[in-house]
Amino acid sequence: MRKRIKLWKIAHSRAGDKGDISNLSLIPYDEKDFNLLKREITAERLKYYFRGIVKGRIERYELPNIHALNFVMYGALSGGVTRNLCLDAHGKTLSFALLNMDIDLDD
């Protein structure tokens, strides 16, 4: 049986936004967990996880020198912060949602 944990237990996230594009970074607290993040957090998985929010494509970039992943999500902010009627349509809210994702640990 695989053990599942919340992503926030092993990683933190930073976010930025520009127009309708959200940029999320995912950084493990311990660099030994970088391969686990690469395995578990794919662009396809994020596209499914944010299926009601992100309307465009998601690109994943690996930054092995700093043990981080970066995701660029297009069509993620309902037109952008200045065009959206939501109270907080900033990308930082997506980083908190990402950290609530369940992932499988290695056996």
Protein backbone atom coordinates (compact mmCIF):
# COMPACT_ATOMS: atom_id res chain seq x y z
CA MET A 1 0.00 0.00 0.00
CA ARG A 2 1.33 3.43 -0.92
CA LYS A 3 1.50 6.16 1.64
CA ARG A 4 -0.06 9.49 0.63
CA ILE A 5 0.82 12.89 2.05
CA LYS A 6 -0.02 16.50 1.34
CA LEU A 7 2.54 18.23 -0.84
CA TRP A 8 3.03 21.03 1.71
CA LYS A 9 4.72 18.53 4.05
CA ILE A 10 7.74 18.21 1.75
CA ALA A 11 7.74 21.36 -0.39
CA HIS A 12 6.92 25.02 -0.59
CA SER A 13 5.76 27.12 -3.51
CA ARG A 14 6.23 30.62 -4.82
CA ALA A 15 3.96 32.26 -7.35
CA GLY A 16 3.78 35.14 -9.71
CA ASP A 17 1.34 36.37 -12.29
CA LYS A 18 1.34 38.55 -15.35
CA GLY A 19 -1.90 39.14 -17.16
CA ASP A 20 -3.68 35.81 -17.52
CA ILE A 21 -0.53 33.72 -16.87
CA SER A 22 0.34 32.23 -13.51
CA ASN A 23 3.83 31.02 -12.73
CA LEU A 24 4.26 28.52 -9.87
CA SER A 25 7.53 27.22 -8.50
CA LEU A 26 7.72 24.09 -6.39
CA ILE A 27 10.76 23.62 -4.16
CA PRO A 28 11.33 20.67 -1.82
CA TYR A 29 12.50 21.43 1.71
CA ASP A 30 15.04 18.63 1.28
CA GLU A 31 16.76 18.23 -2.10
CA LYS A 32 16.46 14.42 -1.81
CA ASP A 33 12.72 14.87 -2.54
CA PHE A 34 13.34 16.54 -5.90
CA ASN A 35 13.04 13.26 -7.84
CA LEU A 36 9.78 12.50 -6.03
CA LEU A 37 8.40 15.88 -7.11
CA LYS A 38 9.54 15.30 -10.70
CA ARG A 39 7.74 11.96 -10.71
CA GLU A 40 4.53 13.07 -9.02
CA ILE A 41 3.98 16.63 -10.25
CA THR A 42 3.72 16.63 -14.02
CA ALA A 43 2.21 19.27 -16.27
CA GLU A 44 -0.55 16.80 -17.15
CA ARG A 45 -1.36 16.17 -13.50
CA LEU A 46 -1.52 19.91 -12.80
CA LYS A 47 -3.75 20.40 -15.83
CA TYR A 48 -6.17 17.85 -14.36
CA TYR A 49 -5.83 19.20 -10.80
CA PHE A 50 -6.62 22.77 -11.94
CA ARG A 51 -9.12 21.63 -14.61
CA GLY A 52 -11.82 24.13 -13.64
CA ILE A 53 -9.38 27.00 -13.32
CA VAL A 54 -6.59 26.81 -15.91
CA LYS A 55 -8.04 27.10 -19.40
CA GLY A 56 -4.78 27.02 -21.37
CA ARG A 57 -1.70 24.85 -21.49
CA ILE A 58 0.71 24.20 -18.63
CA GLU A 59 4.45 24.00 -19.24
CA ARG A 60 6.86 22.44 -16.73
CA TYR A 61 10.49 23.44 -16.43
CA GLU A 62 12.99 21.52 -14.32
CA LEU A 63 15.68 23.47 -12.49
CA PRO A 64 17.99 20.71 -11.24
CA ASN A 65 20.72 23.09 -10.02
CA ILE A 66 18.34 24.48 -7.42
CA HIS A 67 16.16 21.36 -7.09
CA ALA A 68 12.99 23.10 -8.19
CA LEU A 69 10.17 22.81 -10.69
CA ASN A 70 8.57 25.77 -12.40
CA PHE A 71 5.12 25.69 -14.00
CA VAL A 72 3.82 28.31 -16.41
CA MET A 73 0.03 28.14 -16.62
CA TYR A 74 -1.74 29.99 -19.43
CA GLY A 75 -5.34 31.14 -19.13
CA ALA A 76 -5.11 30.66 -15.37
CA LEU A 77 -6.48 33.91 -13.96
CA SER A 78 -9.85 34.41 -15.67
CA GLY A 79 -8.50 37.12 -17.93
CA GLY A 80 -5.98 38.52 -15.47
CA VAL A 81 -5.96 40.28 -12.15
CA THR A 82 -7.10 43.64 -13.47
CA ARG A 83 -9.89 42.15 -15.63
CA ASN A 84 -11.34 39.64 -13.18
CA LEU A 85 -14.25 40.38 -10.85
CA CYS A 86 -13.03 37.86 -8.24
CA LEU A 87 -11.69 39.29 -5.00
CA ASP A 88 -8.31 37.52 -5.24
CA ALA A 89 -7.43 36.16 -8.67
CA HIS A 90 -3.70 36.36 -8.09
CA GLY A 91 -1.42 33.42 -8.81
CA LYS A 92 -0.43 33.07 -5.15
CA THR A 93 -3.81 31.51 -4.38
CA LEU A 94 -2.99 28.76 -6.88
CA SER A 95 0.28 28.01 -5.07
CA PHE A 96 -1.66 27.32 -1.86
CA ALA A 97 -4.06 25.07 -3.78
CA LEU A 98 -1.10 23.20 -5.30
CA LEU A 99 0.40 22.51 -1.87
CA ASN A 100 -2.84 20.86 -0.80
CA MET A 101 -2.41 18.15 -3.47
CA ASP A 102 -1.97 14.57 -2.26
CA ILE A 103 1.08 12.71 -3.54
CA ASP A 104 2.30 9.13 -3.25
CA LEU A 105 5.53 8.47 -1.38
CA ASP A 106 7.96 5.81 -2.50
CA ASP A 107 7.41 2.43 -0.90
